[in-house]
Amino acid sequence: EELMGDPFSLETAQPFMDIYQSAMDPAIREIEEQTLRAQNAARERASSGEGSFGSRLGILEGTAAGEGAEAAGDLRAQAAREGLNFATTQVQKMLCAANLSKIDRHDLAQKM
């Protein structure tokens, strides 16, 4: 058990996963801005009376908000998957390095 090192946990993975989540922040902001632009465009059409838009404004705003939330959620989920995969690899590398170091120390102590 001593050679196995710390078990993989969310606590050990979180710093690596945060890198991927932070990398998605600009894309999330762009999605939010696109959603706002789509909602503003729908409001402009409604206020100008084009095609009796007033009654459909709520539907268009809701659709734009839903599509934006879905896109942002998809990006966050993708970042979480990629971050977890990266974290798993990094933690495995750290554990292997730590285990090799322990084995080397153990072998050295045996030889003395």
C-alpha atoms as a PDB file:
ATOM      1  CA  GLU A   1       0.000   0.000   0.000  1.00  0.00           C
ATOM      2  CA  GLU A   2       2.894   2.344   0.717  1.00  0.00           C
ATOM      3  CA  LEU A   3       4.076   2.037  -2.887  1.00  0.00           C
ATOM      4  CA  MET A   4       0.648   2.847  -4.317  1.00  0.00           C
ATOM      5  CA  GLY A   5       0.628   6.493  -3.157  1.00  0.00           C
ATOM      6  CA  ASP A   6      -2.490   8.589  -2.730  1.00  0.00           C
ATOM      7  CA  PRO A   7      -5.662   7.360  -4.419  1.00  0.00           C
ATOM      8  CA  PHE A   8      -7.123   9.362  -7.285  1.00  0.00           C
ATOM      9  CA  SER A   9      -9.827  11.701  -6.038  1.00  0.00           C
ATOM     10  CA  LEU A  10     -11.650  14.844  -7.045  1.00  0.00           C
ATOM     11  CA  GLU A  11      -9.348  16.731  -4.711  1.00  0.00           C
ATOM     12  CA  THR A  12      -6.236  15.614  -6.588  1.00  0.00           C
ATOM     13  CA  ALA A  13      -7.903  16.053  -9.990  1.00  0.00           C
ATOM     14  CA  GLN A  14      -9.535  19.451  -9.415  1.00  0.00           C
ATOM     15  CA  PRO A  15      -6.488  21.655 -10.128  1.00  0.00           C
ATOM     16  CA  PHE A  16      -6.069  20.002 -13.526  1.00  0.00           C
ATOM     17  CA  MET A  17      -9.779  20.139 -14.305  1.00  0.00           C
ATOM     18  CA  ASP A  18      -9.904  23.843 -13.422  1.00  0.00           C
ATOM     19  CA  ILE A  19      -7.435  24.536 -16.236  1.00  0.00           C
ATOM     20  CA  TYR A  20      -9.890  23.159 -18.789  1.00  0.00           C
ATOM     21  CA  GLN A  21     -12.881  24.945 -17.286  1.00  0.00           C
ATOM     22  CA  SER A  22     -11.006  28.260 -17.281  1.00  0.00           C
ATOM     23  CA  ALA A  23      -9.997  27.741 -20.886  1.00  0.00           C
ATOM     24  CA  MET A  24     -13.692  27.610 -21.842  1.00  0.00           C
ATOM     25  CA  ASP A  25     -14.539  30.956 -20.212  1.00  0.00           C
ATOM     26  CA  PRO A  26     -13.966  33.058 -23.369  1.00  0.00           C
ATOM     27  CA  ALA A  27     -16.156  30.720 -25.436  1.00  0.00           C
ATOM     28  CA  ILE A  28     -18.867  30.833 -22.773  1.00  0.00           C
ATOM     29  CA  ARG A  29     -18.769  34.653 -22.767  1.00  0.00           C
ATOM     30  CA  GLU A  30     -19.101  34.628 -26.574  1.00  0.00           C
ATOM     31  CA  ILE A  31     -22.142  32.341 -26.348  1.00  0.00           C
ATOM     32  CA  GLU A  32     -23.693  34.667 -23.772  1.00  0.00           C
ATOM     33  CA  GLU A  33     -23.062  37.667 -26.041  1.00  0.00           C
ATOM     34  CA  GLN A  34     -24.552  35.850 -29.058  1.00  0.00           C
ATOM     35  CA  THR A  35     -27.610  34.964 -26.994  1.00  0.00           C
ATOM     36  CA  LEU A  36     -28.039  38.574 -25.921  1.00  0.00           C
ATOM     37  CA  ARG A  37     -27.652  39.766 -29.539  1.00  0.00           C
ATOM     38  CA  ALA A  38     -30.294  37.273 -30.703  1.00  0.00           C
ATOM     39  CA  GLN A  39     -32.687  38.400 -27.982  1.00  0.00           C
ATOM     40  CA  ASN A  40     -32.078  42.069 -28.798  1.00  0.00           C
ATOM     41  CA  ALA A  41     -32.695  41.409 -32.497  1.00  0.00           C
ATOM     42  CA  ALA A  42     -35.990  39.721 -31.638  1.00  0.00           C
ATOM     43  CA  ARG A  43     -36.972  42.716 -29.468  1.00  0.00           C
ATOM     44  CA  GLU A  44     -36.127  45.128 -32.302  1.00  0.00           C
ATOM     45  CA  ARG A  45     -38.299  43.180 -34.737  1.00  0.00           C
ATOM     46  CA  ALA A  46     -41.107  43.077 -32.196  1.00  0.00           C
ATOM     47  CA  SER A  47     -40.916  46.805 -31.483  1.00  0.00           C
ATOM     48  CA  SER A  48     -41.024  47.673 -35.175  1.00  0.00           C
ATOM     49  CA  GLY A  49     -44.149  45.574 -35.584  1.00  0.00           C
ATOM     50  CA  GLU A  50     -42.685  43.334 -38.261  1.00  0.00           C
ATOM     51  CA  GLY A  51     -45.007  40.406 -38.833  1.00  0.00           C
ATOM     52  CA  SER A  52     -46.938  40.738 -35.554  1.00  0.00           C
ATOM     53  CA  PHE A  53     -43.817  39.818 -33.684  1.00  0.00           C
ATOM     54  CA  GLY A  54     -45.060  40.986 -30.313  1.00  0.00           C
ATOM     55  CA  SER A  55     -46.849  37.747 -29.552  1.00  0.00           C
ATOM     56  CA  ARG A  56     -43.841  35.646 -30.538  1.00  0.00           C
ATOM     57  CA  LEU A  57     -41.208  37.693 -28.725  1.00  0.00           C
ATOM     58  CA  GLY A  58     -41.300  35.596 -25.564  1.00  0.00           C
ATOM     59  CA  ILE A  59     -40.945  32.414 -27.561  1.00  0.00           C
ATOM     60  CA  LEU A  60     -37.963  33.766 -29.502  1.00  0.00           C
ATOM     61  CA  GLU A  61     -36.272  35.080 -26.374  1.00  0.00           C
ATOM     62  CA  GLY A  62     -36.827  31.795 -24.586  1.00  0.00           C
ATOM     63  CA  THR A  63     -35.533  29.815 -27.548  1.00  0.00           C
ATOM     64  CA  ALA A  64     -32.406  31.972 -27.780  1.00  0.00           C
ATOM     65  CA  ALA A  65     -31.801  31.633 -24.043  1.00  0.00           C
ATOM     66  CA  GLY A  66     -32.325  27.871 -24.176  1.00  0.00           C
ATOM     67  CA  GLU A  67     -30.002  27.402 -27.125  1.00  0.00           C
ATOM     68  CA  GLY A  68     -27.351  29.555 -25.452  1.00  0.00           C
ATOM     69  CA  ALA A  69     -27.623  27.626 -22.204  1.00  0.00           C
ATOM     70  CA  GLU A  70     -27.419  24.326 -24.069  1.00  0.00           C
ATOM     71  CA  ALA A  71     -24.306  25.421 -25.975  1.00  0.00           C
ATOM     72  CA  ALA A  72     -22.632  26.675 -22.785  1.00  0.00           C
ATOM     73  CA  GLY A  73     -23.551  23.469 -20.979  1.00  0.00           C
ATOM     74  CA  ASP A  74     -22.147  21.361 -23.800  1.00  0.00           C
ATOM     75  CA  LEU A  75     -18.858  23.279 -23.671  1.00  0.00           C
ATOM     76  CA  ARG A  76     -18.632  22.939 -19.890  1.00  0.00           C
ATOM     77  CA  ALA A  77     -19.358  19.199 -20.105  1.00  0.00           C
ATOM     78  CA  GLN A  78     -16.710  18.773 -22.792  1.00  0.00           C
ATOM     79  CA  ALA A  79     -14.211  20.705 -20.662  1.00  0.00           C
ATOM     80  CA  ALA A  80     -15.055  18.529 -17.673  1.00  0.00           C
ATOM     81  CA  ARG A  81     -14.480  15.330 -19.670  1.00  0.00           C
ATOM     82  CA  GLU A  82     -11.226  16.550 -21.153  1.00  0.00           C
ATOM     83  CA  GLY A  83     -10.077  17.937 -17.828  1.00  0.00           C
ATOM     84  CA  LEU A  84     -10.815  14.691 -16.042  1.00  0.00           C
ATOM     85  CA  ASN A  85      -8.935  12.704 -18.684  1.00  0.00           C
ATOM     86  CA  PHE A  86      -5.979  15.066 -18.416  1.00  0.00           C
ATOM     87  CA  ALA A  87      -6.105  14.954 -14.612  1.00  0.00           C
ATOM     88  CA  THR A  88      -6.175  11.161 -14.626  1.00  0.00           C
ATOM     89  CA  THR A  89      -3.088  11.044 -16.818  1.00  0.00           C
ATOM     90  CA  GLN A  90      -1.225  13.622 -14.743  1.00  0.00           C
ATOM     91  CA  VAL A  91      -2.051  11.974 -11.426  1.00  0.00           C
ATOM     92  CA  GLN A  92      -0.992   8.590 -12.816  1.00  0.00           C
ATOM     93  CA  LYS A  93       2.321  10.099 -13.928  1.00  0.00           C
ATOM     94  CA  MET A  94       2.841  11.677 -10.511  1.00  0.00           C
ATOM     95  CA  LEU A  95       2.036   8.415  -8.742  1.00  0.00           C
ATOM     96  CA  CYS A  96       4.373   6.458 -11.021  1.00  0.00           C
ATOM     97  CA  ALA A  97       7.170   8.940 -10.382  1.00  0.00           C
ATOM     98  CA  ALA A  98       6.539   8.805  -6.635  1.00  0.00           C
ATOM     99  CA  ASN A  99       6.398   5.009  -6.679  1.00  0.00           C
ATOM    100  CA  LEU A 100       9.634   4.766  -8.655  1.00  0.00           C
ATOM    101  CA  SER A 101      11.260   7.124  -6.206  1.00  0.00           C
ATOM    102  CA  LYS A 102      10.071   4.961  -3.286  1.00  0.00           C
ATOM    103  CA  ILE A 103      11.261   1.802  -5.014  1.00  0.00           C
ATOM    104  CA  ASP A 104      14.663   3.375  -5.714  1.00  0.00           C
ATOM    105  CA  ARG A 105      14.992   4.423  -2.064  1.00  0.00           C
ATOM    106  CA  HIS A 106      13.911   0.963  -0.930  1.00  0.00           C
ATOM    107  CA  ASP A 107      16.460  -0.715  -3.264  1.00  0.00           C
ATOM    108  CA  LEU A 108      19.178   1.649  -2.106  1.00  0.00           C
ATOM    109  CA  ALA A 109      18.394   0.924   1.545  1.00  0.00           C
ATOM    110  CA  GLN A 110      18.476  -2.836   0.835  1.00  0.00           C
ATOM    111  CA  LYS A 111      21.919  -2.537  -0.728  1.00  0.00           C
ATOM    112  CA  MET A 112      23.386  -0.652   2.216  1.00  0.00           C
END
